[in-house]
Protein backbone atom coordinates (compact mmCIF):
# COMPACT_ATOMS: atom_id res chain seq x y z
CA MET A 1 -38.55 -4.37 -12.84
CA ALA A 2 -34.84 -4.82 -12.10
CA ASP A 3 -32.42 -5.88 -14.81
CA PRO A 4 -31.76 -9.66 -14.44
CA VAL A 5 -28.00 -9.15 -14.65
CA GLU A 6 -28.16 -6.44 -11.99
CA SER A 7 -30.27 -8.71 -9.80
CA THR A 8 -27.74 -11.52 -10.17
CA VAL A 9 -24.82 -9.21 -9.39
CA ARG A 10 -26.63 -7.75 -6.38
CA ALA A 11 -27.44 -11.24 -5.06
CA SER A 12 -23.82 -12.30 -5.50
CA LEU A 13 -22.52 -9.20 -3.72
CA GLU A 14 -25.03 -9.56 -0.88
CA GLU A 15 -24.02 -13.19 -0.43
CA GLU A 16 -20.35 -12.20 -0.37
CA ARG A 17 -21.14 -9.45 2.16
CA ALA A 18 -22.86 -11.99 4.42
CA GLN A 19 -19.97 -14.44 4.16
CA LEU A 20 -17.39 -11.76 4.93
CA GLY A 21 -19.46 -10.60 7.90
CA GLU A 22 -19.62 -14.15 9.24
CA GLN A 23 -15.87 -14.61 8.82
CA LEU A 24 -15.18 -11.36 10.65
CA THR A 25 -17.54 -12.33 13.47
CA GLU A 26 -15.84 -15.70 13.84
CA LEU A 27 -12.41 -14.09 13.76
CA ASP A 28 -13.35 -11.42 16.30
CA GLY A 29 -14.77 -14.13 18.57
CA GLY A 30 -11.58 -16.18 18.49
CA ALA A 31 -9.86 -16.45 21.85
CA PHE A 32 -6.15 -16.76 22.35
CA ASP A 33 -4.74 -18.44 25.43
CA GLU A 34 -2.61 -15.69 26.94
CA ASN A 35 -1.17 -18.18 29.46
CA PHE A 36 0.05 -20.53 26.74
CA ALA A 37 3.68 -21.47 27.34
CA ASP A 38 4.80 -20.20 23.94
CA SER A 39 3.84 -16.54 24.05
CA GLY A 40 5.64 -16.02 20.74
CA GLN A 41 3.23 -18.42 19.09
CA VAL A 42 0.25 -16.59 20.61
CA ALA A 43 1.63 -13.26 19.38
CA ALA A 44 2.16 -14.68 15.89
CA GLU A 45 -1.39 -16.06 15.79
CA GLN A 46 -2.79 -12.73 16.97
CA GLY A 47 -0.80 -10.95 14.26
CA GLU A 48 -2.11 -13.32 11.61
CA ALA A 49 -5.67 -12.88 12.85
CA HIS A 50 -5.29 -9.09 12.78
CA ALA A 51 -3.91 -9.16 9.22
CA LEU A 52 -6.72 -11.48 8.07
CA ALA A 53 -9.36 -9.29 9.73
CA SER A 54 -7.92 -6.23 8.01
CA SER A 55 -8.03 -7.96 4.64
CA LEU A 56 -11.61 -9.13 5.22
CA ARG A 57 -12.67 -5.59 6.19
CA GLU A 58 -11.11 -4.21 2.98
CA GLN A 59 -12.99 -6.81 0.93
CA LEU A 60 -16.19 -5.96 2.78
CA ASP A 61 -15.65 -2.25 2.07
CA ASP A 62 -15.25 -3.04 -1.64
CA VAL A 63 -18.45 -5.10 -1.64
CA GLU A 64 -20.35 -2.33 0.17
CA ALA A 65 -19.03 0.21 -2.36
CA ALA A 66 -20.13 -2.02 -5.26
CA LEU A 67 -23.63 -2.32 -3.78
CA ALA A 68 -23.78 1.46 -3.39
CA LYS A 69 -22.72 1.86 -7.04
CA LEU A 70 -25.54 -0.45 -8.07
CA ASP A 71 -27.95 1.85 -6.23
CA GLU A 72 -26.40 4.93 -7.85
CA GLY A 73 -26.29 3.43 -11.34
CA THR A 74 -22.51 3.65 -11.62
CA TYR A 75 -21.69 -0.03 -11.10
CA GLY A 76 -19.21 -1.44 -13.62
CA LEU A 77 -17.42 1.84 -14.31
CA CYS A 78 -13.72 2.27 -13.53
CA GLU A 79 -13.15 4.71 -10.67
CA ARG A 80 -10.08 6.12 -12.41
CA CYS A 81 -11.08 6.53 -16.07
CA SER A 82 -14.90 6.10 -15.87
CA GLU A 83 -14.76 3.56 -18.71
CA PRO A 84 -16.73 0.31 -18.40
CA ILE A 85 -14.97 -2.53 -16.61
CA ALA A 86 -14.79 -5.67 -18.76
CA GLU A 87 -17.65 -8.08 -18.15
CA ALA A 88 -15.22 -10.98 -17.60
CA ARG A 89 -13.46 -8.99 -14.86
CA LEU A 90 -16.75 -8.18 -13.15
CA GLU A 91 -17.80 -11.82 -13.36
CA ALA A 92 -14.53 -12.89 -11.72
CA VAL A 93 -14.50 -10.09 -9.14
CA PRO A 94 -17.94 -8.45 -8.86
CA ALA A 95 -16.60 -5.77 -6.48
CA SER A 96 -13.93 -4.59 -8.95
CA ARG A 97 -13.38 -0.87 -8.68
CA PHE A 98 -11.02 -0.47 -11.61
CA CYS A 99 -10.69 -1.66 -15.19
CA ILE A 100 -7.78 -4.00 -15.87
CA GLU A 101 -5.66 -1.12 -17.15
CA HIS A 102 -5.95 0.74 -13.83
CA ALA A 103 -6.00 -2.23 -11.46
């Protein structure tokens, strides 16, 4: 039987993964009016959308890595020093890869 804390963390990470996936889908589906009179505004909006998508993909990568660590049994260990990441940090950011010292 799975550890209740691990089950809670996994559920939280899977929910975050689903939300990030939905946000990326919505963002990728967004259309910009190329014929809009203010092409500078369109370019700025496209740039913002690209930056947001990049940030969402990075977050999604971190969530996927955390889920993989749960499967491997290495979840909650700092990737730099291999020491446990503080519980409060993991509660705040379940996909944390580093302890506070190495963040």
